[in-house]
Amino acid sequence: MALHMLGKDPESPEGKSPTVYLDDEKDTYLVQGWKVDDGDKRAQLDLPGHEDVVEIPRRMVQFFLEVNGVDRTDA
């Protein structure tokens, strides 16, 4: 699996999370973020048992390639 880190939250106090990755083999993103434990938020989501959700700040969107106008095949 060829994971490429696209960016870490520039405001993270420990510099570890959230982080956005690109999986070249599957052409998918992996998002490391804060675990959503808030029952009210989770109740509003349609989450199958094999999925979960993490939360990231809006400022992290800059690390998604399409937002930056970069073709993933060029990354």
N, C-alpha and C. Protein backbone atom coordinates (compact mmCIF):
# COMPACT_ATOMS: atom_id res chain seq x y z
N MET A 1 0.85 -1.17 0.00
CA MET A 1 0.00 0.00 0.00
C MET A 1 0.90 1.23 0.00
N ALA A 2 0.64 2.12 -0.92
CA ALA A 2 1.44 3.34 -1.04
C ALA A 2 0.66 4.53 -0.49
N LEU A 3 0.87 4.83 0.78
CA LEU A 3 0.21 5.98 1.39
C LEU A 3 1.10 7.20 1.27
N HIS A 4 0.48 8.32 0.95
CA HIS A 4 1.21 9.58 0.87
C HIS A 4 0.52 10.58 1.79
N MET A 5 1.28 11.12 2.74
CA MET A 5 0.71 12.13 3.62
C MET A 5 0.54 13.41 2.83
N LEU A 6 -0.68 13.93 2.81
CA LEU A 6 -0.96 15.17 2.10
C LEU A 6 -0.81 16.39 3.00
N GLY A 7 -1.06 16.21 4.29
CA GLY A 7 -0.90 17.32 5.20
C GLY A 7 -1.41 17.03 6.60
N LYS A 8 -0.76 17.70 7.55
CA LYS A 8 -1.18 17.63 8.95
C LYS A 8 -1.77 18.97 9.34
N ASP A 9 -2.62 18.95 10.33
CA ASP A 9 -3.24 20.18 10.82
C ASP A 9 -2.14 21.13 11.29
N PRO A 10 -2.01 22.28 10.65
CA PRO A 10 -0.96 23.22 11.04
C PRO A 10 -1.15 23.80 12.43
N GLU A 11 -2.33 23.62 13.00
CA GLU A 11 -2.60 24.15 14.34
C GLU A 11 -2.66 23.05 15.41
N SER A 12 -2.25 21.84 15.06
CA SER A 12 -2.26 20.74 16.02
C SER A 12 -1.22 20.99 17.11
N PRO A 13 -1.64 20.94 18.37
CA PRO A 13 -0.69 21.21 19.45
C PRO A 13 0.45 20.19 19.52
N GLU A 14 0.18 18.94 19.22
CA GLU A 14 1.23 17.92 19.25
C GLU A 14 1.79 17.63 17.86
N GLY A 15 1.20 18.20 16.83
CA GLY A 15 1.67 17.97 15.47
C GLY A 15 1.35 16.60 14.92
N LYS A 16 0.35 15.91 15.48
CA LYS A 16 0.07 14.54 15.07
C LYS A 16 -1.26 14.39 14.35
N SER A 17 -2.23 15.20 14.68
CA SER A 17 -3.57 14.96 14.15
C SER A 17 -4.33 16.27 14.09
N PRO A 18 -5.26 16.38 13.23
CA PRO A 18 -5.64 15.48 12.14
C PRO A 18 -4.62 15.46 11.00
N THR A 19 -4.71 14.41 10.20
CA THR A 19 -3.82 14.22 9.06
C THR A 19 -4.62 13.65 7.90
N VAL A 20 -4.29 14.06 6.68
CA VAL A 20 -4.95 13.54 5.48
C VAL A 20 -3.91 12.80 4.65
N TYR A 21 -4.27 11.59 4.21
CA TYR A 21 -3.40 10.74 3.40
C TYR A 21 -4.10 10.39 2.09
N LEU A 22 -3.32 10.05 1.08
CA LEU A 22 -3.81 9.53 -0.18
C LEU A 22 -3.29 8.11 -0.35
N ASP A 23 -4.18 7.17 -0.65
CA ASP A 23 -3.79 5.79 -0.96
C ASP A 23 -3.78 5.67 -2.47
N ASP A 24 -2.59 5.63 -3.05
CA ASP A 24 -2.45 5.58 -4.51
C ASP A 24 -3.05 4.32 -5.12
N GLU A 25 -2.92 3.20 -4.43
CA GLU A 25 -3.41 1.93 -4.97
C GLU A 25 -4.93 1.91 -5.10
N LYS A 26 -5.62 2.41 -4.10
CA LYS A 26 -7.08 2.38 -4.10
C LYS A 26 -7.69 3.68 -4.58
N ASP A 27 -6.86 4.71 -4.77
CA ASP A 27 -7.33 6.04 -5.18
C ASP A 27 -8.37 6.56 -4.18
N THR A 28 -8.03 6.46 -2.89
CA THR A 28 -8.90 6.90 -1.82
C THR A 28 -8.13 7.76 -0.83
N TYR A 29 -8.86 8.50 -0.01
CA TYR A 29 -8.26 9.28 1.06
C TYR A 29 -8.43 8.56 2.39
N LEU A 30 -7.46 8.69 3.26
CA LEU A 30 -7.56 8.25 4.64
C LEU A 30 -7.46 9.50 5.49
N VAL A 31 -8.39 9.65 6.40
CA VAL A 31 -8.44 10.84 7.23
C VAL A 31 -8.29 10.44 8.69
N GLN A 32 -7.24 10.92 9.31
CA GLN A 32 -7.03 10.72 10.74
C GLN A 32 -7.57 11.96 11.43
N GLY A 33 -8.47 11.75 12.35
CA GLY A 33 -9.07 12.89 13.03
C GLY A 33 -9.52 12.54 14.42
N TRP A 34 -10.36 13.40 14.96
CA TRP A 34 -10.85 13.20 16.32
C TRP A 34 -12.04 12.26 16.29
N LYS A 35 -12.02 11.26 17.13
CA LYS A 35 -13.10 10.29 17.23
C LYS A 35 -14.38 11.00 17.66
N VAL A 36 -15.46 10.73 16.94
CA VAL A 36 -16.75 11.34 17.27
C VAL A 36 -17.48 10.42 18.24
N ASP A 37 -17.50 10.81 19.51
CA ASP A 37 -18.20 10.05 20.55
C ASP A 37 -19.54 10.67 20.92
N ASP A 38 -19.80 11.86 20.42
CA ASP A 38 -21.03 12.59 20.77
C ASP A 38 -22.23 11.82 20.21
N GLY A 39 -23.05 11.29 21.12
CA GLY A 39 -24.20 10.49 20.72
C GLY A 39 -25.21 11.25 19.87
N ASP A 40 -25.40 12.54 20.16
CA ASP A 40 -26.34 13.35 19.37
C ASP A 40 -25.86 13.49 17.92
N LYS A 41 -24.55 13.71 17.74
CA LYS A 41 -24.00 13.82 16.38
C LYS A 41 -24.12 12.48 15.65
N ARG A 42 -23.74 11.40 16.35
CA ARG A 42 -23.75 10.08 15.72
C ARG A 42 -25.17 9.67 15.33
N ALA A 43 -26.16 10.06 16.12
CA ALA A 43 -27.55 9.71 15.84
C ALA A 43 -28.05 10.35 14.55
N GLN A 44 -27.41 11.43 14.12
CA GLN A 44 -27.81 12.13 12.90
C GLN A 44 -27.17 11.54 11.65
N LEU A 45 -26.27 10.58 11.84
CA LEU A 45 -25.55 9.97 10.72
C LEU A 45 -26.13 8.61 10.39
N ASP A 46 -26.04 8.23 9.14
CA ASP A 46 -26.48 6.91 8.70
C ASP A 46 -25.24 6.04 8.55
N LEU A 47 -24.74 5.52 9.67
CA LEU A 47 -23.49 4.77 9.68
C LEU A 47 -23.73 3.27 9.76
N PRO A 48 -23.37 2.55 8.71
CA PRO A 48 -23.43 1.08 8.79
C PRO A 48 -22.41 0.58 9.81
N GLY A 49 -22.58 -0.62 10.28
CA GLY A 49 -21.69 -1.20 11.28
C GLY A 49 -20.23 -1.31 10.87
N HIS A 50 -19.97 -1.36 9.56
CA HIS A 50 -18.60 -1.51 9.10
C HIS A 50 -17.93 -0.15 8.81
N GLU A 51 -18.59 0.95 9.16
CA GLU A 51 -18.03 2.29 8.95
C GLU A 51 -17.97 3.05 10.26
N ASP A 52 -17.16 4.11 10.25
CA ASP A 52 -17.11 5.01 11.39
C ASP A 52 -16.87 6.42 10.87
N VAL A 53 -16.79 7.37 11.74
CA VAL A 53 -16.65 8.75 11.32
C VAL A 53 -15.63 9.43 12.24
N VAL A 54 -14.82 10.30 11.64
CA VAL A 54 -13.91 11.15 12.40
C VAL A 54 -14.20 12.59 12.02
N GLU A 55 -13.77 13.49 12.86
CA GLU A 55 -14.02 14.91 12.64
C GLU A 55 -12.69 15.62 12.42
N ILE A 56 -12.68 16.51 11.43
CA ILE A 56 -11.50 17.33 11.18
C ILE A 56 -11.94 18.79 11.04
N PRO A 57 -11.05 19.74 11.30
CA PRO A 57 -11.42 21.13 11.13
C PRO A 57 -11.48 21.51 9.66
N ARG A 58 -12.28 22.50 9.35
CA ARG A 58 -12.45 22.98 7.99
C ARG A 58 -11.10 23.33 7.34
N ARG A 59 -10.16 23.84 8.13
CA ARG A 59 -8.87 24.26 7.57
C ARG A 59 -8.10 23.10 6.92
N MET A 60 -8.49 21.85 7.23
CA MET A 60 -7.81 20.69 6.66
C MET A 60 -8.18 20.43 5.21
N VAL A 61 -9.24 21.03 4.72
CA VAL A 61 -9.69 20.82 3.33
C VAL A 61 -8.58 21.19 2.34
N GLN A 62 -7.72 22.09 2.73
CA GLN A 62 -6.63 22.51 1.83
C GLN A 62 -5.74 21.34 1.40
N PHE A 63 -5.76 20.25 2.15
CA PHE A 63 -4.88 19.13 1.84
C PHE A 63 -5.48 18.12 0.88
N PHE A 64 -6.74 18.30 0.50
CA PHE A 64 -7.33 17.44 -0.51
C PHE A 64 -6.93 17.97 -1.89
N LEU A 65 -6.40 17.12 -2.72
CA LEU A 65 -5.79 17.53 -3.98
C LEU A 65 -6.74 18.26 -4.91
N GLU A 66 -7.99 17.80 -5.00
CA GLU A 66 -8.92 18.45 -5.92
C GLU A 66 -9.15 19.91 -5.55
N VAL A 67 -9.13 20.19 -4.26
CA VAL A 67 -9.32 21.56 -3.80
C VAL A 67 -8.18 22.44 -4.29
N ASN A 68 -6.99 21.87 -4.33
CA ASN A 68 -5.82 22.61 -4.77
C ASN A 68 -5.65 22.60 -6.29
N GLY A 69 -6.57 21.97 -7.00
CA GLY A 69 -6.49 21.93 -8.46
C GLY A 69 -5.41 21.01 -8.99
N VAL A 70 -5.03 20.01 -8.21
CA VAL A 70 -3.99 19.08 -8.62
C VAL A 70 -4.64 17.77 -9.01
N ASP A 71 -4.25 17.23 -10.14
CA ASP A 71 -4.72 15.91 -10.58
C ASP A 71 -4.02 14.86 -9.74
N ARG A 72 -4.77 13.92 -9.15
CA ARG A 72 -4.17 12.90 -8.30
C ARG A 72 -3.11 12.10 -9.04
N THR A 73 -3.23 11.92 -10.33
CA THR A 73 -2.25 11.13 -11.07
C THR A 73 -0.92 11.85 -11.14
N ASP A 74 -0.90 13.14 -10.84
CA ASP A 74 0.35 13.91 -10.87
C ASP A 74 1.00 13.99 -9.50
N ALA A 75 0.28 13.58 -8.46
CA ALA A 75 0.79 13.75 -7.09
C ALA A 75 1.87 12.73 -6.76
